[in-house]
Amino acid sequence: MEIEFNPNRAAASATRQPVAKSAAPAPRQDSASLEQTGALMSAIDGIPLVRPEKVDGARVAISGANYPPDAMLKAVASLFAENIR
């Protein structure tokens, strides 16, 4: 017995029901509004690159005798020891 297979031929079936076509989706808009670019750029320019209060806090921390803290040194040493190959 030989079975012929033709993928281009629709199978005849009594249970087949017609499928209603759905409405095509609206085309996407692939554009951006750049009207607020100037305002965003001026807001970005107003942000300071350096925060003086953080710099002063770091200076105070590293000038102390307890910097870096022993717990931090032990944690870093443990990480090194675990990852040595």
N, C-alpha and C. Protein backbone atom coordinates (compact mmCIF):
# COMPACT_ATOMS: atom_id res chain seq x y z
N MET A 1 0.83 -1.17 0.00
CA MET A 1 0.00 0.00 0.00
C MET A 1 0.88 1.24 0.00
N GLU A 2 0.55 2.18 -0.82
CA GLU A 2 1.34 3.41 -0.94
C GLU A 2 0.46 4.59 -0.54
N ILE A 3 1.00 5.48 0.29
CA ILE A 3 0.26 6.65 0.74
C ILE A 3 0.89 7.88 0.09
N GLU A 4 0.05 8.65 -0.53
CA GLU A 4 0.53 9.85 -1.20
C GLU A 4 0.28 11.05 -0.28
N PHE A 5 1.31 11.87 -0.09
CA PHE A 5 1.20 13.04 0.77
C PHE A 5 1.44 14.27 -0.09
N ASN A 6 0.49 15.18 -0.09
CA ASN A 6 0.62 16.42 -0.82
C ASN A 6 0.29 17.57 0.13
N PRO A 7 1.29 18.33 0.59
CA PRO A 7 1.02 19.39 1.56
C PRO A 7 0.22 20.54 0.96
N ASN A 8 0.15 20.64 -0.36
CA ASN A 8 -0.59 21.73 -0.99
C ASN A 8 -2.07 21.43 -1.14
N ARG A 9 -2.44 20.21 -0.91
CA ARG A 9 -3.84 19.82 -1.07
C ARG A 9 -4.54 19.87 0.28
N ALA A 10 -5.65 20.54 0.34
CA ALA A 10 -6.41 20.64 1.58
C ALA A 10 -7.10 19.31 1.84
N ALA A 11 -7.05 18.90 3.09
CA ALA A 11 -7.71 17.65 3.45
C ALA A 11 -9.21 17.85 3.48
N ALA A 12 -9.92 16.92 2.94
CA ALA A 12 -11.39 17.00 2.94
C ALA A 12 -11.89 16.48 4.27
N SER A 13 -12.60 17.32 4.99
CA SER A 13 -13.10 16.92 6.28
C SER A 13 -14.48 17.52 6.48
N ALA A 14 -15.40 16.72 6.98
CA ALA A 14 -16.76 17.19 7.19
C ALA A 14 -16.84 18.05 8.45
N THR A 15 -15.86 17.94 9.35
CA THR A 15 -15.89 18.70 10.59
C THR A 15 -15.22 20.06 10.47
N ARG A 16 -14.64 20.32 9.34
CA ARG A 16 -13.93 21.58 9.14
C ARG A 16 -14.92 22.73 9.05
N GLN A 17 -14.66 23.78 9.80
CA GLN A 17 -15.55 24.93 9.79
C GLN A 17 -14.78 26.13 9.28
N PRO A 18 -15.46 27.01 8.57
CA PRO A 18 -14.76 28.19 8.05
C PRO A 18 -14.31 29.09 9.20
N VAL A 19 -13.17 29.69 9.02
CA VAL A 19 -12.60 30.58 10.02
C VAL A 19 -12.81 32.01 9.56
N ALA A 20 -13.41 32.81 10.41
CA ALA A 20 -13.64 34.21 10.08
C ALA A 20 -12.33 34.98 10.20
N LYS A 21 -12.08 35.83 9.23
CA LYS A 21 -10.86 36.64 9.27
C LYS A 21 -11.05 37.80 10.23
N SER A 22 -10.05 38.04 11.03
CA SER A 22 -10.12 39.17 11.95
C SER A 22 -9.64 40.42 11.23
N ALA A 23 -10.01 41.54 11.76
CA ALA A 23 -9.60 42.81 11.16
C ALA A 23 -8.09 42.96 11.29
N ALA A 24 -7.49 43.50 10.27
CA ALA A 24 -6.04 43.70 10.28
C ALA A 24 -5.70 44.76 11.32
N PRO A 25 -4.61 44.56 12.07
CA PRO A 25 -4.23 45.57 13.07
C PRO A 25 -3.81 46.86 12.39
N ALA A 26 -4.01 47.94 13.10
CA ALA A 26 -3.63 49.25 12.57
C ALA A 26 -2.12 49.30 12.43
N PRO A 27 -1.62 49.95 11.39
CA PRO A 27 -0.16 50.03 11.21
C PRO A 27 0.48 50.80 12.36
N ARG A 28 1.65 50.34 12.76
CA ARG A 28 2.38 50.98 13.85
C ARG A 28 2.99 52.28 13.39
N GLN A 29 3.02 53.22 14.30
CA GLN A 29 3.69 54.48 14.04
C GLN A 29 5.12 54.36 14.53
N ASP A 30 6.07 54.35 13.64
CA ASP A 30 7.48 54.22 14.01
C ASP A 30 8.17 55.58 14.01
N SER A 31 7.58 56.48 14.72
CA SER A 31 8.20 57.80 14.82
C SER A 31 8.18 58.23 16.28
N ALA A 32 9.09 59.14 16.60
CA ALA A 32 9.19 59.63 17.97
C ALA A 32 9.02 61.14 17.96
N SER A 33 8.47 61.63 19.02
CA SER A 33 8.32 63.07 19.15
C SER A 33 9.57 63.61 19.85
N LEU A 34 10.23 64.53 19.20
CA LEU A 34 11.46 65.10 19.75
C LEU A 34 11.25 66.53 20.20
N GLU A 35 10.02 66.89 20.47
CA GLU A 35 9.71 68.26 20.85
C GLU A 35 10.31 68.64 22.20
N GLN A 36 10.46 67.69 23.10
CA GLN A 36 10.93 68.01 24.44
C GLN A 36 12.43 67.78 24.61
N THR A 37 13.14 67.57 23.53
CA THR A 37 14.57 67.30 23.61
C THR A 37 15.33 68.46 24.24
N GLY A 38 14.99 69.66 23.85
CA GLY A 38 15.68 70.84 24.39
C GLY A 38 15.50 70.96 25.89
N ALA A 39 14.29 70.73 26.37
CA ALA A 39 14.03 70.81 27.80
C ALA A 39 14.77 69.72 28.55
N LEU A 40 14.82 68.52 27.98
CA LEU A 40 15.54 67.42 28.63
C LEU A 40 17.04 67.70 28.68
N MET A 41 17.57 68.22 27.59
CA MET A 41 19.01 68.50 27.56
C MET A 41 19.37 69.58 28.58
N SER A 42 18.54 70.61 28.72
CA SER A 42 18.86 71.65 29.70
C SER A 42 18.72 71.11 31.13
N ALA A 43 17.78 70.18 31.35
CA ALA A 43 17.66 69.56 32.68
C ALA A 43 18.88 68.71 32.99
N ILE A 44 19.37 68.00 32.00
CA ILE A 44 20.57 67.18 32.20
C ILE A 44 21.78 68.07 32.47
N ASP A 45 21.88 69.16 31.74
CA ASP A 45 23.01 70.08 31.94
C ASP A 45 22.99 70.69 33.34
N GLY A 46 21.82 70.76 33.98
CA GLY A 46 21.71 71.34 35.31
C GLY A 46 22.12 70.38 36.42
N ILE A 47 22.33 69.11 36.10
CA ILE A 47 22.73 68.13 37.11
C ILE A 47 24.23 68.22 37.32
N PRO A 48 24.67 68.42 38.55
CA PRO A 48 26.12 68.52 38.79
C PRO A 48 26.82 67.18 38.56
N LEU A 49 28.04 67.25 38.03
CA LEU A 49 28.81 66.03 37.79
C LEU A 49 29.41 65.48 39.07
N VAL A 50 29.65 66.35 40.05
CA VAL A 50 30.25 65.96 41.32
C VAL A 50 29.34 66.44 42.44
N ARG A 51 29.12 65.55 43.42
CA ARG A 51 28.33 65.95 44.59
C ARG A 51 29.31 66.24 45.72
N PRO A 52 29.50 67.52 46.03
CA PRO A 52 30.50 67.91 47.03
C PRO A 52 30.30 67.26 48.39
N GLU A 53 29.06 67.05 48.82
CA GLU A 53 28.83 66.45 50.13
C GLU A 53 29.33 65.01 50.17
N LYS A 54 29.24 64.30 49.05
CA LYS A 54 29.75 62.92 49.00
C LYS A 54 31.27 62.89 48.99
N VAL A 55 31.87 63.84 48.28
CA VAL A 55 33.33 63.93 48.24
C VAL A 55 33.87 64.24 49.63
N ASP A 56 33.23 65.17 50.32
CA ASP A 56 33.67 65.51 51.68
C ASP A 56 33.51 64.32 52.62
N GLY A 57 32.42 63.59 52.49
CA GLY A 57 32.21 62.40 53.33
C GLY A 57 33.26 61.34 53.08
N ALA A 58 33.65 61.16 51.82
CA ALA A 58 34.69 60.18 51.48
C ALA A 58 36.04 60.61 52.03
N ARG A 59 36.33 61.90 51.96
CA ARG A 59 37.60 62.41 52.50
C ARG A 59 37.69 62.14 54.01
N VAL A 60 36.60 62.40 54.71
CA VAL A 60 36.58 62.17 56.16
C VAL A 60 36.78 60.68 56.45
N ALA A 61 36.11 59.82 55.67
CA ALA A 61 36.20 58.38 55.92
C ALA A 61 37.61 57.85 55.70
N ILE A 62 38.27 58.26 54.62
CA ILE A 62 39.60 57.70 54.33
C ILE A 62 40.70 58.33 55.17
N SER A 63 40.41 59.49 55.77
CA SER A 63 41.44 60.10 56.61
C SER A 63 41.47 59.48 58.00
N GLY A 64 40.45 58.73 58.37
CA GLY A 64 40.40 58.12 59.69
C GLY A 64 41.33 56.91 59.78
N ALA A 65 41.69 56.57 61.01
CA ALA A 65 42.61 55.46 61.25
C ALA A 65 41.95 54.11 61.01
N ASN A 66 40.64 54.06 61.03
CA ASN A 66 39.93 52.79 60.87
C ASN A 66 39.44 52.54 59.45
N TYR A 67 40.06 53.17 58.48
CA TYR A 67 39.63 52.94 57.10
C TYR A 67 40.68 52.14 56.38
N PRO A 68 40.34 51.13 55.68
CA PRO A 68 39.03 50.48 55.60
C PRO A 68 38.77 49.65 56.85
N PRO A 69 37.52 49.44 57.17
CA PRO A 69 37.19 48.67 58.37
C PRO A 69 37.69 47.23 58.27
N ASP A 70 38.00 46.63 59.42
CA ASP A 70 38.50 45.25 59.44
C ASP A 70 37.51 44.28 58.80
N ALA A 71 36.23 44.49 59.01
CA ALA A 71 35.23 43.59 58.42
C ALA A 71 35.29 43.62 56.90
N MET A 72 35.53 44.80 56.33
CA MET A 72 35.63 44.91 54.87
C MET A 72 36.88 44.20 54.37
N LEU A 73 38.00 44.38 55.08
CA LEU A 73 39.24 43.71 54.67
C LEU A 73 39.08 42.19 54.73
N LYS A 74 38.43 41.68 55.78
CA LYS A 74 38.21 40.24 55.90
C LYS A 74 37.30 39.73 54.79
N ALA A 75 36.29 40.49 54.44
CA ALA A 75 35.37 40.07 53.38
C ALA A 75 36.09 40.01 52.04
N VAL A 76 36.92 41.02 51.76
CA VAL A 76 37.68 41.03 50.50
C VAL A 76 38.69 39.89 50.47
N ALA A 77 39.35 39.64 51.59
CA ALA A 77 40.32 38.56 51.67
C ALA A 77 39.63 37.20 51.46
N SER A 78 38.45 37.05 52.01
CA SER A 78 37.69 35.81 51.81
C SER A 78 37.32 35.61 50.35
N LEU A 79 36.90 36.68 49.72
CA LEU A 79 36.55 36.58 48.28
C LEU A 79 37.76 36.19 47.45
N PHE A 80 38.92 36.79 47.76
CA PHE A 80 40.15 36.43 47.05
C PHE A 80 40.49 34.96 47.27
N ALA A 81 40.40 34.51 48.52
CA ALA A 81 40.77 33.15 48.86
C ALA A 81 39.84 32.15 48.15
N GLU A 82 38.55 32.48 48.06
CA GLU A 82 37.58 31.57 47.40
C GLU A 82 37.80 31.48 45.91
N ASN A 83 38.33 32.55 45.32
CA ASN A 83 38.42 32.60 43.86
C ASN A 83 39.82 32.39 43.31
N ILE A 84 40.77 32.06 44.16
CA ILE A 84 42.13 31.76 43.67
C ILE A 84 42.10 30.39 43.02
N ARG A 85 42.67 30.30 41.86
CA ARG A 85 42.68 29.00 41.14
C ARG A 85 44.08 28.52 40.97
